[in-house]
């Protein structure tokens, strides 16, 4: 896991991963989000794809990918995968975000 984020079940959060340090200098941006290009998806602890349920507003801006995460179930853990593909090089880099759905002020590490 690259990062851990704690989200209250009654709220949503927008999270951004920056791929600038990973991309070769020939890439001025990431490829658009879509099939075979840059992607953002999510899985619950059992490995079931829940991206269509908890992810919204998937956006690529320059060398960053961002998404809003919400509609989470209290006590559940999720893994969000960000795959950034260089628009010029075609090289892909993966970053993982672990999301813990906990009441505000309550988290386990």
PDB file of N, CA and C in Angstrom:
ATOM      1  N   UNK A   1       0.840  -1.177   0.000  1.00  0.00           N
ATOM      2  CA  UNK A   1       0.000   0.000   0.000  1.00  0.00           C
ATOM      3  C   UNK A   1       0.885   1.241   0.000  1.00  0.00           C
ATOM      4  N   UNK A   2       0.505   2.190  -0.829  1.00  0.00           N
ATOM      5  CA  UNK A   2       1.240   3.446  -0.865  1.00  0.00           C
ATOM      6  C   UNK A   2       0.740   4.414   0.199  1.00  0.00           C
ATOM      7  N   UNK A   3      -0.574   4.401   0.478  1.00  0.00           N
ATOM      8  CA  UNK A   3      -1.171   5.340   1.415  1.00  0.00           C
ATOM      9  C   UNK A   3      -2.403   4.721   2.063  1.00  0.00           C
ATOM     10  N   UNK A   4      -2.702   5.156   3.298  1.00  0.00           N
ATOM     11  CA  UNK A   4      -3.910   4.733   3.997  1.00  0.00           C
ATOM     12  C   UNK A   4      -4.755   5.971   4.259  1.00  0.00           C
ATOM     13  N   UNK A   5      -6.060   5.847   4.002  1.00  0.00           N
ATOM     14  CA  UNK A   5      -6.996   6.949   4.191  1.00  0.00           C
ATOM     15  C   UNK A   5      -8.153   6.446   5.041  1.00  0.00           C
ATOM     16  N   UNK A   6      -8.529   7.208   6.078  1.00  0.00           N
ATOM     17  CA  UNK A   6      -9.669   6.866   6.909  1.00  0.00           C
ATOM     18  C   UNK A   6     -10.821   7.782   6.512  1.00  0.00           C
ATOM     19  N   UNK A   7     -11.979   7.175   6.202  1.00  0.00           N
ATOM     20  CA  UNK A   7     -13.153   7.934   5.761  1.00  0.00           C
ATOM     21  C   UNK A   7     -14.338   7.578   6.648  1.00  0.00           C
ATOM     22  N   UNK A   8     -15.027   8.585   7.129  1.00  0.00           N
ATOM     23  CA  UNK A   8     -16.250   8.400   7.902  1.00  0.00           C
ATOM     24  C   UNK A   8     -17.349   7.909   6.953  1.00  0.00           C
ATOM     25  N   UNK A   9     -18.201   6.971   7.373  1.00  0.00           N
ATOM     26  CA  UNK A   9     -19.228   6.447   6.462  1.00  0.00           C
ATOM     27  C   UNK A   9     -20.246   7.495   6.009  1.00  0.00           C
ATOM     28  N   UNK A  10     -20.372   8.583   6.753  1.00  0.00           N
ATOM     29  CA  UNK A  10     -21.348   9.616   6.397  1.00  0.00           C
ATOM     30  C   UNK A  10     -20.767  10.681   5.478  1.00  0.00           C
ATOM     31  N   UNK A  11     -19.520  10.519   5.059  1.00  0.00           N
ATOM     32  CA  UNK A  11     -18.897  11.546   4.222  1.00  0.00           C
ATOM     33  C   UNK A  11     -18.233  10.922   3.001  1.00  0.00           C
ATOM     34  N   UNK A  12     -17.660  11.776   2.192  1.00  0.00           N
ATOM     35  CA  UNK A  12     -16.861  11.326   1.053  1.00  0.00           C
ATOM     36  C   UNK A  12     -15.600  12.177   1.010  1.00  0.00           C
ATOM     37  N   UNK A  13     -14.573  11.651   0.389  1.00  0.00           N
ATOM     38  CA  UNK A  13     -13.309  12.370   0.266  1.00  0.00           C
ATOM     39  C   UNK A  13     -12.788  12.231  -1.154  1.00  0.00           C
ATOM     40  N   UNK A  14     -12.126  13.291  -1.607  1.00  0.00           N
ATOM     41  CA  UNK A  14     -11.452  13.246  -2.894  1.00  0.00           C
ATOM     42  C   UNK A  14      -9.982  12.984  -2.627  1.00  0.00           C
ATOM     43  N   UNK A  15      -9.412  12.033  -3.380  1.00  0.00           N
ATOM     44  CA  UNK A  15      -8.002  11.688  -3.199  1.00  0.00           C
ATOM     45  C   UNK A  15      -7.272  11.807  -4.529  1.00  0.00           C
ATOM     46  N   UNK A  16      -6.026  12.293  -4.463  1.00  0.00           N
ATOM     47  CA  UNK A  16      -5.212  12.510  -5.656  1.00  0.00           C
ATOM     48  C   UNK A  16      -3.882  11.787  -5.532  1.00  0.00           C
ATOM     49  N   UNK A  17      -3.480  11.087  -6.601  1.00  0.00           N
ATOM     50  CA  UNK A  17      -2.129  10.542  -6.705  1.00  0.00           C
ATOM     51  C   UNK A  17      -1.420  11.273  -7.833  1.00  0.00           C
ATOM     52  N   UNK A  18      -0.202  11.715  -7.559  1.00  0.00           N
ATOM     53  CA  UNK A  18       0.631  12.418  -8.540  1.00  0.00           C
ATOM     54  C   UNK A  18       1.676  11.435  -9.067  1.00  0.00           C
ATOM     55  N   UNK A  19       1.726  11.265 -10.371  1.00  0.00           N
ATOM     56  CA  UNK A  19       2.656  10.330 -11.012  1.00  0.00           C
ATOM     57  C   UNK A  19       3.881  11.035 -11.605  1.00  0.00           C
ATOM     58  N   UNK A  20       4.057  12.322 -11.345  1.00  0.00           N
ATOM     59  CA  UNK A  20       5.147  13.097 -11.955  1.00  0.00           C
ATOM     60  C   UNK A  20       6.517  12.483 -11.699  1.00  0.00           C
ATOM     61  N   UNK A  21       6.763  12.014 -10.499  1.00  0.00           N
ATOM     62  CA  UNK A  21       8.078  11.446 -10.167  1.00  0.00           C
ATOM     63  C   UNK A  21       8.321  10.097 -10.835  1.00  0.00           C
ATOM     64  N   UNK A  22       7.266   9.418 -11.248  1.00  0.00           N
ATOM     65  CA  UNK A  22       7.384   8.099 -11.863  1.00  0.00           C
ATOM     66  C   UNK A  22       7.567   8.154 -13.377  1.00  0.00           C
ATOM     67  N   UNK A  23       6.959   9.153 -14.006  1.00  0.00           N
ATOM     68  CA  UNK A  23       6.942   9.227 -15.470  1.00  0.00           C
ATOM     69  C   UNK A  23       8.278   9.667 -16.057  1.00  0.00           C
ATOM     70  N   UNK A  24       8.637   9.128 -17.218  1.00  0.00           N
ATOM     71  CA  UNK A  24       9.842   9.604 -17.898  1.00  0.00           C
ATOM     72  C   UNK A  24       9.653  11.069 -18.318  1.00  0.00           C
ATOM     73  N   UNK A  25      10.731  11.758 -18.535  1.00  0.00           N
ATOM     74  CA  UNK A  25      10.664  13.180 -18.900  1.00  0.00           C
ATOM     75  C   UNK A  25       9.957  13.413 -20.239  1.00  0.00           C
ATOM     76  N   UNK A  26       9.842  12.367 -21.059  1.00  0.00           N
ATOM     77  CA  UNK A  26       9.157  12.509 -22.350  1.00  0.00           C
ATOM     78  C   UNK A  26       7.649  12.648 -22.206  1.00  0.00           C
ATOM     79  N   UNK A  27       7.109  12.290 -21.036  1.00  0.00           N
ATOM     80  CA  UNK A  27       5.666  12.377 -20.797  1.00  0.00           C
ATOM     81  C   UNK A  27       5.323  13.699 -20.134  1.00  0.00           C
ATOM     82  N   UNK A  28       4.499  14.487 -20.806  1.00  0.00           N
ATOM     83  CA  UNK A  28       4.044  15.741 -20.204  1.00  0.00           C
ATOM     84  C   UNK A  28       2.709  15.550 -19.496  1.00  0.00           C
ATOM     85  N   UNK A  29       2.075  14.376 -19.682  1.00  0.00           N
ATOM     86  CA  UNK A  29       0.785  14.097 -19.054  1.00  0.00           C
ATOM     87  C   UNK A  29       0.523  12.595 -19.049  1.00  0.00           C
ATOM     88  N   UNK A  30      -0.501  12.211 -18.305  1.00  0.00           N
ATOM     89  CA  UNK A  30      -0.988  10.839 -18.323  1.00  0.00           C
ATOM     90  C   UNK A  30      -1.990  10.683 -19.457  1.00  0.00           C
ATOM     91  N   UNK A  31      -2.185   9.450 -19.899  1.00  0.00           N
ATOM     92  CA  UNK A  31      -3.247   9.155 -20.858  1.00  0.00           C
ATOM     93  C   UNK A  31      -4.590   9.372 -20.183  1.00  0.00           C
ATOM     94  N   UNK A  32      -5.614   9.590 -20.980  1.00  0.00           N
ATOM     95  CA  UNK A  32      -6.961   9.748 -20.439  1.00  0.00           C
ATOM     96  C   UNK A  32      -7.396   8.491 -19.703  1.00  0.00           C
ATOM     97  N   UNK A  33      -8.342   8.643 -18.792  1.00  0.00           N
ATOM     98  CA  UNK A  33      -8.910   7.503 -18.093  1.00  0.00           C
ATOM     99  C   UNK A  33      -9.837   6.773 -19.056  1.00  0.00           C
ATOM    100  N   UNK A  34      -9.630   5.475 -19.176  1.00  0.00           N
ATOM    101  CA  UNK A  34     -10.461   4.681 -20.089  1.00  0.00           C
ATOM    102  C   UNK A  34      -9.888   3.297 -20.246  1.00  0.00           C
ATOM    103  N   UNK A  35     -10.537   2.500 -21.032  1.00  0.00           N
ATOM    104  CA  UNK A  35     -10.112   1.119 -21.241  1.00  0.00           C
ATOM    105  C   UNK A  35      -8.699   1.071 -21.802  1.00  0.00           C
ATOM    106  N   UNK A  36      -7.795   0.430 -21.072  1.00  0.00           N
ATOM    107  CA  UNK A  36      -6.429   0.260 -21.530  1.00  0.00           C
ATOM    108  C   UNK A  36      -5.528   1.442 -21.297  1.00  0.00           C
ATOM    109  N   UNK A  37      -6.079   2.552 -20.821  1.00  0.00           N
ATOM    110  CA  UNK A  37      -5.267   3.738 -20.553  1.00  0.00           C
ATOM    111  C   UNK A  37      -5.110   3.871 -19.038  1.00  0.00           C
ATOM    112  N   UNK A  38      -5.071   5.078 -18.535  1.00  0.00           N
ATOM    113  CA  UNK A  38      -5.045   5.292 -17.097  1.00  0.00           C
ATOM    114  C   UNK A  38      -6.383   4.833 -16.518  1.00  0.00           C
ATOM    115  N   UNK A  39      -6.335   4.190 -15.347  1.00  0.00           N
ATOM    116  CA  UNK A  39      -7.557   3.665 -14.739  1.00  0.00           C
ATOM    117  C   UNK A  39      -7.569   3.901 -13.235  1.00  0.00           C
ATOM    118  N   UNK A  40      -8.772   3.908 -12.671  1.00  0.00           N
ATOM    119  CA  UNK A  40      -8.964   3.938 -11.227  1.00  0.00           C
ATOM    120  C   UNK A  40     -10.072   2.935 -10.926  1.00  0.00           C
ATOM    121  N   UNK A  41      -9.779   1.942 -10.078  1.00  0.00           N
ATOM    122  CA  UNK A  41     -10.798   0.984  -9.688  1.00  0.00           C
ATOM    123  C   UNK A  41     -10.657   0.647  -8.215  1.00  0.00           C
ATOM    124  N   UNK A  42     -11.653  -0.049  -7.661  1.00  0.00           N
ATOM    125  CA  UNK A  42     -11.665  -0.318  -6.217  1.00  0.00           C
ATOM    126  C   UNK A  42     -12.174  -1.717  -5.938  1.00  0.00           C
ATOM    127  N   UNK A  43     -11.673  -2.287  -4.837  1.00  0.00           N
ATOM    128  CA  UNK A  43     -12.024  -3.632  -4.424  1.00  0.00           C
ATOM    129  C   UNK A  43     -12.269  -3.645  -2.919  1.00  0.00           C
ATOM    130  N   UNK A  44     -13.248  -4.439  -2.478  1.00  0.00           N
ATOM    131  CA  UNK A  44     -13.431  -4.582  -1.043  1.00  0.00           C
ATOM    132  C   UNK A  44     -12.444  -5.621  -0.518  1.00  0.00           C
ATOM    133  N   UNK A  45     -12.486  -5.871   0.796  1.00  0.00           N
ATOM    134  CA  UNK A  45     -11.507  -6.757   1.419  1.00  0.00           C
ATOM    135  C   UNK A  45     -11.571  -8.165   0.848  1.00  0.00           C
ATOM    136  N   UNK A  46     -12.740  -8.591   0.370  1.00  0.00           N
ATOM    137  CA  UNK A  46     -12.901  -9.933  -0.207  1.00  0.00           C
ATOM    138  C   UNK A  46     -12.409 -10.005  -1.647  1.00  0.00           C
ATOM    139  N   UNK A  47     -12.029  -8.852  -2.237  1.00  0.00           N
ATOM    140  CA  UNK A  47     -11.529  -8.830  -3.602  1.00  0.00           C
ATOM    141  C   UNK A  47     -12.580  -8.547  -4.654  1.00  0.00           C
ATOM    142  N   UNK A  48     -13.809  -8.243  -4.230  1.00  0.00           N
ATOM    143  CA  UNK A  48     -14.899  -7.940  -5.162  1.00  0.00           C
ATOM    144  C   UNK A  48     -14.744  -6.520  -5.696  1.00  0.00           C
ATOM    145  N   UNK A  49     -14.927  -6.340  -6.993  1.00  0.00           N
ATOM    146  CA  UNK A  49     -14.850  -5.017  -7.607  1.00  0.00           C
ATOM    147  C   UNK A  49     -16.038  -4.182  -7.133  1.00  0.00           C
ATOM    148  N   UNK A  50     -15.766  -3.065  -6.450  1.00  0.00           N
ATOM    149  CA  UNK A  50     -16.812  -2.175  -5.935  1.00  0.00           C
ATOM    150  C   UNK A  50     -16.638  -0.753  -6.475  1.00  0.00           C
ATOM    151  N   UNK A  51     -15.843  -0.618  -7.516  1.00  0.00           N
ATOM    152  CA  UNK A  51     -15.553   0.702  -8.070  1.00  0.00           C
ATOM    153  C   UNK A  51     -16.789   1.466  -8.498  1.00  0.00           C
ATOM    154  N   UNK A  52     -17.766   0.783  -9.100  1.00  0.00           N
ATOM    155  CA  UNK A  52     -18.966   1.477  -9.566  1.00  0.00           C
ATOM    156  C   UNK A  52     -19.829   1.957  -8.405  1.00  0.00           C
ATOM    157  N   UNK A  53     -19.622   1.395  -7.223  1.00  0.00           N
ATOM    158  CA  UNK A  53     -20.403   1.759  -6.048  1.00  0.00           C
ATOM    159  C   UNK A  53     -19.765   2.885  -5.239  1.00  0.00           C
ATOM    160  N   UNK A  54     -18.447   2.847  -5.061  1.00  0.00           N
ATOM    161  CA  UNK A  54     -17.809   3.797  -4.128  1.00  0.00           C
ATOM    162  C   UNK A  54     -16.994   4.893  -4.804  1.00  0.00           C
ATOM    163  N   UNK A  55     -16.738   4.802  -6.108  1.00  0.00           N
ATOM    164  CA  UNK A  55     -15.909   5.804  -6.798  1.00  0.00           C
ATOM    165  C   UNK A  55     -16.756   6.682  -7.706  1.00  0.00           C
ATOM    166  N   UNK A  56     -16.462   7.980  -7.703  1.00  0.00           N
ATOM    167  CA  UNK A  56     -17.119   8.902  -8.625  1.00  0.00           C
ATOM    168  C   UNK A  56     -16.140  10.007  -9.000  1.00  0.00           C
ATOM    169  N   UNK A  57     -16.482  10.746 -10.007  1.00  0.00           N
ATOM    170  CA  UNK A  57     -15.691  11.892 -10.464  1.00  0.00           C
ATOM    171  C   UNK A  57     -14.226  11.518 -10.718  1.00  0.00           C
ATOM    172  N   UNK A  58     -14.007  10.438 -11.463  1.00  0.00           N
ATOM    173  CA  UNK A  58     -12.641  10.051 -11.837  1.00  0.00           C
ATOM    174  C   UNK A  58     -12.103  11.081 -12.825  1.00  0.00           C
ATOM    175  N   UNK A  59     -10.929  11.622 -12.510  1.00  0.00           N
ATOM    176  CA  UNK A  59     -10.389  12.715 -13.319  1.00  0.00           C
ATOM    177  C   UNK A  59      -8.891  12.560 -13.518  1.00  0.00           C
ATOM    178  N   UNK A  60      -8.431  12.904 -14.730  1.00  0.00           N
ATOM    179  CA  UNK A  60      -7.000  12.999 -15.010  1.00  0.00           C
ATOM    180  C   UNK A  60      -6.714  14.470 -15.261  1.00  0.00           C
ATOM    181  N   UNK A  61      -5.710  14.978 -14.548  1.00  0.00           N
ATOM    182  CA  UNK A  61      -5.260  16.356 -14.762  1.00  0.00           C
ATOM    183  C   UNK A  61      -3.746  16.332 -14.861  1.00  0.00           C
ATOM    184  N   UNK A  62      -3.220  16.555 -16.047  1.00  0.00           N
ATOM    185  CA  UNK A  62      -1.766  16.527 -16.225  1.00  0.00           C
ATOM    186  C   UNK A  62      -1.198  15.175 -15.845  1.00  0.00           C
ATOM    187  N   UNK A  63      -0.392  15.159 -14.788  1.00  0.00           N
ATOM    188  CA  UNK A  63       0.258  13.926 -14.338  1.00  0.00           C
ATOM    189  C   UNK A  63      -0.385  13.364 -13.078  1.00  0.00           C
ATOM    190  N   UNK A  64      -1.615  13.767 -12.792  1.00  0.00           N
ATOM    191  CA  UNK A  64      -2.302  13.283 -11.601  1.00  0.00           C
ATOM    192  C   UNK A  64      -3.612  12.587 -11.951  1.00  0.00           C
ATOM    193  N   UNK A  65      -3.996  11.647 -11.085  1.00  0.00           N
ATOM    194  CA  UNK A  65      -5.303  11.010 -11.148  1.00  0.00           C
ATOM    195  C   UNK A  65      -6.004  11.309  -9.831  1.00  0.00           C
ATOM    196  N   UNK A  66      -7.282  11.710  -9.907  1.00  0.00           N
ATOM    197  CA  UNK A  66      -8.031  11.948  -8.687  1.00  0.00           C
ATOM    198  C   UNK A  66      -9.416  11.357  -8.786  1.00  0.00           C
ATOM    199  N   UNK A  67      -9.980  11.030  -7.611  1.00  0.00           N
ATOM    200  CA  UNK A  67     -11.283  10.392  -7.551  1.00  0.00           C
ATOM    201  C   UNK A  67     -11.949  10.742  -6.230  1.00  0.00           C
ATOM    202  N   UNK A  68     -13.278  10.782  -6.248  1.00  0.00           N
ATOM    203  CA  UNK A  68     -14.039  10.966  -5.019  1.00  0.00           C
ATOM    204  C   UNK A  68     -14.482   9.588  -4.537  1.00  0.00           C
ATOM    205  N   UNK A  69     -14.271   9.348  -3.236  1.00  0.00           N
ATOM    206  CA  UNK A  69     -14.570   8.057  -2.621  1.00  0.00           C
ATOM    207  C   UNK A  69     -15.681   8.268  -1.599  1.00  0.00           C
ATOM    208  N   UNK A  70     -16.769   7.507  -1.703  1.00  0.00           N
ATOM    209  CA  UNK A  70     -17.888   7.647  -0.770  1.00  0.00           C
ATOM    210  C   UNK A  70     -18.783   6.428  -0.813  1.00  0.00           C
ATOM    211  N   UNK A  71     -19.946   6.515  -0.144  1.00  0.00           N
ATOM    212  CA  UNK A  71     -20.911   5.413  -0.058  1.00  0.00           C
ATOM    213  C   UNK A  71     -20.251   4.156   0.518  1.00  0.00           C
ATOM    214  N   UNK A  72     -19.448   4.357   1.574  1.00  0.00           N
ATOM    215  CA  UNK A  72     -18.711   3.258   2.191  1.00  0.00           C
ATOM    216  C   UNK A  72     -19.517   2.618   3.315  1.00  0.00           C
ATOM    217  N   UNK A  73     -19.179   1.384   3.637  1.00  0.00           N
ATOM    218  CA  UNK A  73     -19.826   0.639   4.706  1.00  0.00           C
ATOM    219  C   UNK A  73     -18.940   0.655   5.946  1.00  0.00           C
ATOM    220  N   UNK A  74     -19.512   1.068   7.077  1.00  0.00           N
ATOM    221  CA  UNK A  74     -18.772   1.159   8.332  1.00  0.00           C
ATOM    222  C   UNK A  74     -18.081  -0.161   8.654  1.00  0.00           C
ATOM    223  N   UNK A  75     -16.804  -0.074   8.995  1.00  0.00           N
ATOM    224  CA  UNK A  75     -16.009  -1.243   9.351  1.00  0.00           C
ATOM    225  C   UNK A  75     -15.343  -1.932   8.175  1.00  0.00           C
ATOM    226  N   UNK A  76     -15.716  -1.592   6.961  1.00  0.00           N
ATOM    227  CA  UNK A  76     -15.169  -2.232   5.760  1.00  0.00           C
ATOM    228  C   UNK A  76     -13.829  -1.599   5.371  1.00  0.00           C
ATOM    229  N   UNK A  77     -13.000  -2.383   4.734  1.00  0.00           N
ATOM    230  CA  UNK A  77     -11.737  -1.893   4.179  1.00  0.00           C
ATOM    231  C   UNK A  77     -11.780  -2.064   2.668  1.00  0.00           C
ATOM    232  N   UNK A  78     -11.206  -1.092   1.977  1.00  0.00           N
ATOM    233  CA  UNK A  78     -11.201  -1.090   0.515  1.00  0.00           C
ATOM    234  C   UNK A  78      -9.793  -0.824   0.012  1.00  0.00           C
ATOM    235  N   UNK A  79      -9.519  -1.280  -1.193  1.00  0.00           N
ATOM    236  CA  UNK A  79      -8.260  -0.962  -1.869  1.00  0.00           C
ATOM    237  C   UNK A  79      -8.605  -0.294  -3.188  1.00  0.00           C
ATOM    238  N   UNK A  80      -8.043   0.899  -3.379  1.00  0.00           N
ATOM    239  CA  UNK A  80      -8.282   1.640  -4.615  1.00  0.00           C
ATOM    240  C   UNK A  80      -6.988   1.624  -5.410  1.00  0.00           C
ATOM    241  N   UNK A  81      -7.076   1.182  -6.663  1.00  0.00           N
ATOM    242  CA  UNK A  81      -5.899   1.070  -7.531  1.00  0.00           C
ATOM    243  C   UNK A  81      -5.927   2.198  -8.559  1.00  0.00           C
ATOM    244  N   UNK A  82      -4.828   2.948  -8.608  1.00  0.00           N
ATOM    245  CA  UNK A  82      -4.628   4.022  -9.574  1.00  0.00           C
ATOM    246  C   UNK A  82      -3.542   3.562 -10.535  1.00  0.00           C
ATOM    247  N   UNK A  83      -3.871   3.436 -11.817  1.00  0.00           N
ATOM    248  CA  UNK A  83      -2.886   3.060 -12.833  1.00  0.00           C
ATOM    249  C   UNK A  83      -2.710   4.261 -13.753  1.00  0.00           C
ATOM    250  N   UNK A  84      -1.516   4.849 -13.712  1.00  0.00           N
ATOM    251  CA  UNK A  84      -1.212   5.994 -14.558  1.00  0.00           C
ATOM    252  C   UNK A  84      -0.366   5.559 -15.736  1.00  0.00           C
ATOM    253  N   UNK A  85      -0.841   5.851 -16.942  1.00  0.00           N
ATOM    254  CA  UNK A  85      -0.106   5.505 -18.156  1.00  0.00           C
ATOM    255  C   UNK A  85       0.416   6.778 -18.803  1.00  0.00           C
ATOM    256  N   UNK A  86       1.704   6.819 -19.068  1.00  0.00           N
ATOM    257  CA  UNK A  86       2.290   7.969 -19.737  1.00  0.00           C
ATOM    258  C   UNK A  86       1.715   8.148 -21.129  1.00  0.00           C
ATOM    259  N   UNK A  87       1.282   9.362 -21.452  1.00  0.00           N
ATOM    260  CA  UNK A  87       0.639   9.618 -22.746  1.00  0.00           C
ATOM    261  C   UNK A  87       1.595   9.410 -23.917  1.00  0.00           C
ATOM    262  N   UNK A  88       2.874   9.666 -23.713  1.00  0.00           N
ATOM    263  CA  UNK A  88       3.857   9.507 -24.783  1.00  0.00           C
ATOM    264  C   UNK A  88       4.570   8.160 -24.706  1.00  0.00           C
ATOM    265  N   UNK A  89       5.065   7.805 -23.533  1.00  0.00           N
ATOM    266  CA  UNK A  89       5.862   6.587 -23.383  1.00  0.00           C
ATOM    267  C   UNK A  89       5.025   5.320 -23.342  1.00  0.00           C
ATOM    268  N   UNK A  90       3.777   5.420 -22.875  1.00  0.00           N
ATOM    269  CA  UNK A  90       2.944   4.232 -22.716  1.00  0.00           C
ATOM    270  C   UNK A  90       3.292   3.412 -21.490  1.00  0.00           C
ATOM    271  N   UNK A  91       4.281   3.866 -20.706  1.00  0.00           N
ATOM    272  CA  UNK A  91       4.655   3.151 -19.489  1.00  0.00           C
ATOM    273  C   UNK A  91       3.556   3.309 -18.442  1.00  0.00           C
ATOM    274  N   UNK A  92       3.276   2.210 -17.717  1.00  0.00           N
ATOM    275  CA  UNK A  92       2.236   2.229 -16.695  1.00  0.00           C
ATOM    276  C   UNK A  92       2.844   2.086 -15.307  1.00  0.00           C
ATOM    277  N   UNK A  93       2.278   2.843 -14.377  1.00  0.00           N
ATOM    278  CA  UNK A  93       2.709   2.813 -12.986  1.00  0.00           C
ATOM    279  C   UNK A  93       1.463   2.660 -12.124  1.00  0.00           C
ATOM    280  N   UNK A  94       1.565   1.815 -11.081  1.00  0.00           N
ATOM    281  CA  UNK A  94       0.422   1.539 -10.218  1.00  0.00           C
ATOM    282  C   UNK A  94       0.684   2.036  -8.808  1.00  0.00           C
ATOM    283  N   UNK A  95      -0.327   2.701  -8.236  1.00  0.00           N
ATOM    284  CA  UNK A  95      -0.281   3.144  -6.844  1.00  0.00           C
ATOM    285  C   UNK A  95      -1.554   2.646  -6.170  1.00  0.00           C
ATOM    286  N   UNK A  96      -1.422   2.272  -4.901  1.00  0.00           N
ATOM    287  CA  UNK A  96      -2.541   1.716  -4.145  1.00  0.00           C
ATOM    288  C   UNK A  96      -2.890   2.605  -2.969  1.00  0.00           C
ATOM    289  N   UNK A  97      -4.182   2.759  -2.740  1.00  0.00           N
ATOM    290  CA  UNK A  97      -4.713   3.487  -1.593  1.00  0.00           C
ATOM    291  C   UNK A  97      -5.574   2.525  -0.796  1.00  0.00           C
ATOM    292  N   UNK A  98      -5.272   2.350   0.480  1.00  0.00           N
ATOM    293  CA  UNK A  98      -6.129   1.547   1.344  1.00  0.00           C
ATOM    294  C   UNK A  98      -7.076   2.499   2.054  1.00  0.00           C
ATOM    295  N   UNK A  99      -8.353   2.215   1.978  1.00  0.00           N
ATOM    296  CA  UNK A  99      -9.380   3.058   2.585  1.00  0.00           C
ATOM    297  C   UNK A  99     -10.040   2.282   3.717  1.00  0.00           C
ATOM    298  N   UNK A 100     -10.028   2.871   4.902  1.00  0.00           N
ATOM    299  CA  UNK A 100     -10.683   2.287   6.062  1.00  0.00           C
ATOM    300  C   UNK A 100     -11.929   3.105   6.354  1.00  0.00           C
ATOM    301  N   UNK A 101     -13.085   2.473   6.423  1.00  0.00           N
ATOM    302  CA  UNK A 101     -14.321   3.183   6.738  1.00  0.00           C
ATOM    303  C   UNK A 101     -14.546   3.061   8.247  1.00  0.00           C
ATOM    304  N   UNK A 102     -14.350   4.161   8.943  1.00  0.00           N
ATOM    305  CA  UNK A 102     -14.462   4.205  10.402  1.00  0.00           C
ATOM    306  C   UNK A 102     -15.204   5.463  10.802  1.00  0.00           C
ATOM    307  N   UNK A 103     -15.842   5.421  11.971  1.00  0.00           N
ATOM    308  CA  UNK A 103     -16.454   6.629  12.506  1.00  0.00           C
ATOM    309  C   UNK A 103     -15.357   7.637  12.784  1.00  0.00           C
ATOM    310  N   UNK A 104     -15.697   8.916  12.702  1.00  0.00           N
ATOM    311  CA  UNK A 104     -14.712   9.980  12.915  1.00  0.00           C
ATOM    312  C   UNK A 104     -13.977   9.773  14.239  1.00  0.00           C
ATOM    313  N   UNK A 105     -12.656   9.864  14.187  1.00  0.00           N
ATOM    314  CA  UNK A 105     -11.824   9.716  15.380  1.00  0.00           C
ATOM    315  C   UNK A 105     -11.508   8.283  15.758  1.00  0.00           C
ATOM    316  N   UNK A 106     -11.964   7.333  14.958  1.00  0.00           N
ATOM    317  CA  UNK A 106     -11.745   5.915  15.263  1.00  0.00           C
ATOM    318  C   UNK A 106     -10.999   5.273  14.091  1.00  0.00           C
ATOM    319  N   UNK A 107      -9.794   4.777  14.360  1.00  0.00           N
ATOM    320  CA  UNK A 107      -9.038   4.103  13.303  1.00  0.00           C
ATOM    321  C   UNK A 107      -8.119   3.074  13.925  1.00  0.00           C
ATOM    322  N   UNK A 108      -7.813   2.039  13.165  1.00  0.00           N
ATOM    323  CA  UNK A 108      -6.900   0.985  13.626  1.00  0.00           C
ATOM    324  C   UNK A 108      -5.710   0.932  12.698  1.00  0.00           C
ATOM    325  N   UNK A 109      -4.525   0.833  13.281  1.00  0.00           N
ATOM    326  CA  UNK A 109      -3.312   0.686  12.470  1.00  0.00           C
ATOM    327  C   UNK A 109      -2.454  -0.391  13.044  1.00  0.00           C
TER     328      UNK A 109
END
